[in-house]
């Protein structure tokens, strides 16, 4: 169920839900950026303290 939710979140960014309209070699970069944003949002909504990682 977790994987389906993650794919659904990526579809909201239209990275997996439609045709990628950019250079194909940038697809990996865009997927990594969107995945990072989704993970960041999940961490922040679960009460993650960002100050632990700020130097």
PDB file of N, CA and C in Angstrom:
ATOM      1  N   UNK A   1       0.819  -1.185   0.000  1.00  0.00           N
ATOM      2  CA  UNK A   1       0.000   0.000   0.000  1.00  0.00           C
ATOM      3  C   UNK A   1       0.873   1.264   0.000  1.00  0.00           C
ATOM      4  N   UNK A   2       2.006   1.195   0.660  1.00  0.00           N
ATOM      5  CA  UNK A   2       2.897   2.357   0.731  1.00  0.00           C
ATOM      6  C   UNK A   2       3.414   2.721  -0.656  1.00  0.00           C
ATOM      7  N   UNK A   3       3.744   1.713  -1.445  1.00  0.00           N
ATOM      8  CA  UNK A   3       4.279   1.966  -2.786  1.00  0.00           C
ATOM      9  C   UNK A   3       3.225   2.634  -3.670  1.00  0.00           C
ATOM     10  N   UNK A   4       1.988   2.176  -3.560  1.00  0.00           N
ATOM     11  CA  UNK A   4       0.916   2.767  -4.356  1.00  0.00           C
ATOM     12  C   UNK A   4       0.708   4.237  -4.002  1.00  0.00           C
ATOM     13  N   UNK A   5       0.818   4.561  -2.726  1.00  0.00           N
ATOM     14  CA  UNK A   5       0.681   5.952  -2.301  1.00  0.00           C
ATOM     15  C   UNK A   5       1.835   6.798  -2.847  1.00  0.00           C
ATOM     16  N   UNK A   6       3.045   6.250  -2.830  1.00  0.00           N
ATOM     17  CA  UNK A   6       4.203   6.989  -3.347  1.00  0.00           C
ATOM     18  C   UNK A   6       4.065   7.240  -4.847  1.00  0.00           C
ATOM     19  N   UNK A   7       3.600   6.241  -5.577  1.00  0.00           N
ATOM     20  CA  UNK A   7       3.393   6.421  -7.017  1.00  0.00           C
ATOM     21  C   UNK A   7       2.305   7.459  -7.262  1.00  0.00           C
ATOM     22  N   UNK A   8       1.263   7.435  -6.447  1.00  0.00           N
ATOM     23  CA  UNK A   8       0.203   8.431  -6.572  1.00  0.00           C
ATOM     24  C   UNK A   8       0.706   9.842  -6.336  1.00  0.00           C
ATOM     25  N   UNK A   9       1.602   9.993  -5.360  1.00  0.00           N
ATOM     26  CA  UNK A   9       2.170  11.319  -5.099  1.00  0.00           C
ATOM     27  C   UNK A   9       3.035  11.785  -6.265  1.00  0.00           C
ATOM     28  N   UNK A  10       3.765  10.845  -6.875  1.00  0.00           N
ATOM     29  CA  UNK A  10       4.597  11.215  -8.021  1.00  0.00           C
ATOM     30  C   UNK A  10       3.732  11.586  -9.222  1.00  0.00           C
ATOM     31  N   UNK A  11       2.566  10.955  -9.344  1.00  0.00           N
ATOM     32  CA  UNK A  11       1.666  11.301 -10.442  1.00  0.00           C
ATOM     33  C   UNK A  11       1.134  12.717 -10.292  1.00  0.00           C
ATOM     34  N   UNK A  12       1.031  13.199  -9.054  1.00  0.00           N
ATOM     35  CA  UNK A  12       0.591  14.577  -8.853  1.00  0.00           C
ATOM     36  C   UNK A  12       1.593  15.563  -9.433  1.00  0.00           C
ATOM     37  N   UNK A  13       2.862  15.192  -9.439  1.00  0.00           N
ATOM     38  CA  UNK A  13       3.885  16.028 -10.060  1.00  0.00           C
ATOM     39  C   UNK A  13       3.958  15.791 -11.567  1.00  0.00           C
ATOM     40  N   UNK A  14       3.163  14.856 -12.065  1.00  0.00           N
ATOM     41  CA  UNK A  14       3.080  14.491 -13.482  1.00  0.00           C
ATOM     42  C   UNK A  14       4.400  13.953 -14.033  1.00  0.00           C
ATOM     43  N   UNK A  15       5.244  13.401 -13.158  1.00  0.00           N
ATOM     44  CA  UNK A  15       6.495  12.809 -13.615  1.00  0.00           C
ATOM     45  C   UNK A  15       6.263  11.373 -14.092  1.00  0.00           C
ATOM     46  N   UNK A  16       5.258  10.693 -13.514  1.00  0.00           N
ATOM     47  CA  UNK A  16       4.980   9.321 -13.915  1.00  0.00           C
ATOM     48  C   UNK A  16       3.598   9.168 -14.542  1.00  0.00           C
ATOM     49  N   UNK A  17       2.758  10.173 -14.419  1.00  0.00           N
ATOM     50  CA  UNK A  17       1.384  10.046 -14.874  1.00  0.00           C
ATOM     51  C   UNK A  17       1.140  10.509 -16.295  1.00  0.00           C
ATOM     52  N   UNK A  18       2.146  11.063 -16.937  1.00  0.00           N
ATOM     53  CA  UNK A  18       1.954  11.554 -18.305  1.00  0.00           C
ATOM     54  C   UNK A  18       3.269  11.418 -19.070  1.00  0.00           C
ATOM     55  N   UNK A  19       3.257  11.878 -20.294  1.00  0.00           N
ATOM     56  CA  UNK A  19       4.456  11.815 -21.133  1.00  0.00           C
ATOM     57  C   UNK A  19       5.482  12.811 -20.610  1.00  0.00           C
ATOM     58  N   UNK A  20       6.730  12.358 -20.472  1.00  0.00           N
ATOM     59  CA  UNK A  20       7.808  13.228 -20.014  1.00  0.00           C
ATOM     60  C   UNK A  20       8.249  14.101 -21.176  1.00  0.00           C
ATOM     61  N   UNK A  21       8.057  15.405 -21.063  1.00  0.00           N
ATOM     62  CA  UNK A  21       8.316  16.330 -22.162  1.00  0.00           C
ATOM     63  C   UNK A  21       9.643  17.063 -21.967  1.00  0.00           C
ATOM     64  N   UNK A  22      10.700  16.296 -21.869  1.00  0.00           N
ATOM     65  CA  UNK A  22      12.023  16.866 -21.711  1.00  0.00           C
ATOM     66  C   UNK A  22      13.018  15.858 -22.260  1.00  0.00           C
ATOM     67  N   UNK A  23      14.275  16.153 -22.173  1.00  0.00           N
ATOM     68  CA  UNK A  23      15.284  15.199 -22.627  1.00  0.00           C
ATOM     69  C   UNK A  23      15.255  13.960 -21.741  1.00  0.00           C
ATOM     70  N   UNK A  24      15.357  12.805 -22.356  1.00  0.00           N
ATOM     71  CA  UNK A  24      15.237  11.551 -21.625  1.00  0.00           C
ATOM     72  C   UNK A  24      16.344  11.387 -20.588  1.00  0.00           C
ATOM     73  N   UNK A  25      17.537  11.924 -20.859  1.00  0.00           N
ATOM     74  CA  UNK A  25      18.620  11.776 -19.890  1.00  0.00           C
ATOM     75  C   UNK A  25      18.378  12.600 -18.625  1.00  0.00           C
ATOM     76  N   UNK A  26      17.416  13.526 -18.655  1.00  0.00           N
ATOM     77  CA  UNK A  26      17.076  14.313 -17.467  1.00  0.00           C
ATOM     78  C   UNK A  26      15.985  13.637 -16.635  1.00  0.00           C
ATOM     79  N   UNK A  27      15.418  12.546 -17.136  1.00  0.00           N
ATOM     80  CA  UNK A  27      14.329  11.871 -16.432  1.00  0.00           C
ATOM     81  C   UNK A  27      14.782  11.387 -15.058  1.00  0.00           C
ATOM     82  N   UNK A  28      15.976  10.809 -14.971  1.00  0.00           N
ATOM     83  CA  UNK A  28      16.494  10.332 -13.685  1.00  0.00           C
ATOM     84  C   UNK A  28      16.663  11.479 -12.698  1.00  0.00           C
ATOM     85  N   UNK A  29      17.177  12.605 -13.168  1.00  0.00           N
ATOM     86  CA  UNK A  29      17.333  13.770 -12.291  1.00  0.00           C
ATOM     87  C   UNK A  29      15.984  14.262 -11.783  1.00  0.00           C
ATOM     88  N   UNK A  30      15.023  14.374 -12.680  1.00  0.00           N
ATOM     89  CA  UNK A  30      13.695  14.852 -12.288  1.00  0.00           C
ATOM     90  C   UNK A  30      13.023  13.883 -11.323  1.00  0.00           C
ATOM     91  N   UNK A  31      13.177  12.587 -11.563  1.00  0.00           N
ATOM     92  CA  UNK A  31      12.600  11.590 -10.668  1.00  0.00           C
ATOM     93  C   UNK A  31      13.230  11.685  -9.288  1.00  0.00           C
ATOM     94  N   UNK A  32      14.532  11.881  -9.222  1.00  0.00           N
ATOM     95  CA  UNK A  32      15.215  12.013  -7.932  1.00  0.00           C
ATOM     96  C   UNK A  32      14.766  13.266  -7.187  1.00  0.00           C
ATOM     97  N   UNK A  33      14.611  14.362  -7.896  1.00  0.00           N
ATOM     98  CA  UNK A  33      14.174  15.608  -7.256  1.00  0.00           C
ATOM     99  C   UNK A  33      12.764  15.467  -6.704  1.00  0.00           C
ATOM    100  N   UNK A  34      11.861  14.926  -7.509  1.00  0.00           N
ATOM    101  CA  UNK A  34      10.477  14.760  -7.061  1.00  0.00           C
ATOM    102  C   UNK A  34      10.406  13.779  -5.896  1.00  0.00           C
ATOM    103  N   UNK A  35      11.170  12.694  -5.961  1.00  0.00           N
ATOM    104  CA  UNK A  35      11.189  11.728  -4.857  1.00  0.00           C
ATOM    105  C   UNK A  35      11.702  12.377  -3.579  1.00  0.00           C
ATOM    106  N   UNK A  36      12.732  13.203  -3.700  1.00  0.00           N
ATOM    107  CA  UNK A  36      13.251  13.907  -2.531  1.00  0.00           C
ATOM    108  C   UNK A  36      12.232  14.852  -1.926  1.00  0.00           C
ATOM    109  N   UNK A  37      11.493  15.563  -2.773  1.00  0.00           N
ATOM    110  CA  UNK A  37      10.448  16.461  -2.274  1.00  0.00           C
ATOM    111  C   UNK A  37       9.337  15.689  -1.569  1.00  0.00           C
ATOM    112  N   UNK A  38       8.961  14.560  -2.135  1.00  0.00           N
ATOM    113  CA  UNK A  38       7.914  13.738  -1.525  1.00  0.00           C
ATOM    114  C   UNK A  38       8.391  13.186  -0.189  1.00  0.00           C
ATOM    115  N   UNK A  39       9.621  12.702  -0.133  1.00  0.00           N
ATOM    116  CA  UNK A  39      10.163  12.182   1.125  1.00  0.00           C
ATOM    117  C   UNK A  39      10.292  13.284   2.167  1.00  0.00           C
ATOM    118  N   UNK A  40      10.712  14.472   1.747  1.00  0.00           N
ATOM    119  CA  UNK A  40      10.835  15.599   2.667  1.00  0.00           C
ATOM    120  C   UNK A  40       9.477  15.963   3.257  1.00  0.00           C
ATOM    121  N   UNK A  41       8.469  16.003   2.407  1.00  0.00           N
ATOM    122  CA  UNK A  41       7.117  16.326   2.889  1.00  0.00           C
ATOM    123  C   UNK A  41       6.625  15.262   3.868  1.00  0.00           C
ATOM    124  N   UNK A  42       6.906  13.997   3.585  1.00  0.00           N
ATOM    125  CA  UNK A  42       6.486  12.921   4.486  1.00  0.00           C
ATOM    126  C   UNK A  42       7.196  13.028   5.829  1.00  0.00           C
ATOM    127  N   UNK A  43       8.481  13.359   5.806  1.00  0.00           N
ATOM    128  CA  UNK A  43       9.226  13.500   7.055  1.00  0.00           C
ATOM    129  C   UNK A  43       8.705  14.674   7.870  1.00  0.00           C
ATOM    130  N   UNK A  44       8.416  15.791   7.217  1.00  0.00           N
ATOM    131  CA  UNK A  44       7.937  16.969   7.936  1.00  0.00           C
ATOM    132  C   UNK A  44       6.538  16.748   8.510  1.00  0.00           C
ATOM    133  N   UNK A  45       5.698  16.018   7.804  1.00  0.00           N
ATOM    134  CA  UNK A  45       4.341  15.791   8.293  1.00  0.00           C
ATOM    135  C   UNK A  45       4.309  14.780   9.429  1.00  0.00           C
ATOM    136  N   UNK A  46       5.365  13.988   9.581  1.00  0.00           N
ATOM    137  CA  UNK A  46       5.407  13.012  10.672  1.00  0.00           C
ATOM    138  C   UNK A  46       6.104  13.570  11.912  1.00  0.00           C
ATOM    139  N   UNK A  47       6.413  14.857  11.914  1.00  0.00           N
ATOM    140  CA  UNK A  47       7.015  15.486  13.084  1.00  0.00           C
ATOM    141  C   UNK A  47       8.522  15.421  13.122  1.00  0.00           C
ATOM    142  N   UNK A  48       9.158  15.244  11.985  1.00  0.00           N
ATOM    143  CA  UNK A  48      10.612  15.177  11.893  1.00  0.00           C
ATOM    144  C   UNK A  48      11.217  16.528  12.257  1.00  0.00           C
ATOM    145  N   UNK A  49      12.292  16.506  13.058  1.00  0.00           N
ATOM    146  CA  UNK A  49      12.958  17.743  13.467  1.00  0.00           C
ATOM    147  C   UNK A  49      14.121  18.019  12.522  1.00  0.00           C
ATOM    148  N   UNK A  50      13.970  19.016  11.693  1.00  0.00           N
ATOM    149  CA  UNK A  50      14.981  19.359  10.702  1.00  0.00           C
ATOM    150  C   UNK A  50      16.247  19.905  11.344  1.00  0.00           C
ATOM    151  N   UNK A  51      16.148  20.455  12.540  1.00  0.00           N
ATOM    152  CA  UNK A  51      17.305  21.044  13.213  1.00  0.00           C
ATOM    153  C   UNK A  51      18.359  20.015  13.590  1.00  0.00           C
ATOM    154  N   UNK A  52      18.021  18.733  13.591  1.00  0.00           N
ATOM    155  CA  UNK A  52      19.011  17.693  13.887  1.00  0.00           C
ATOM    156  C   UNK A  52      20.065  17.592  12.791  1.00  0.00           C
ATOM    157  N   UNK A  53      19.722  17.983  11.570  1.00  0.00           N
ATOM    158  CA  UNK A  53      20.636  17.824  10.451  1.00  0.00           C
ATOM    159  C   UNK A  53      21.260  19.125   9.983  1.00  0.00           C
ATOM    160  N   UNK A  54      20.831  20.238  10.527  1.00  0.00           N
ATOM    161  CA  UNK A  54      21.396  21.530  10.141  1.00  0.00           C
ATOM    162  C   UNK A  54      22.665  21.755  10.935  1.00  0.00           C
ATOM    163  N   UNK A  55      23.738  22.036  10.233  1.00  0.00           N
ATOM    164  CA  UNK A  55      25.024  22.230  10.899  1.00  0.00           C
ATOM    165  C   UNK A  55      25.232  23.687  11.201  1.00  0.00           C
TER     166      UNK A  55
END
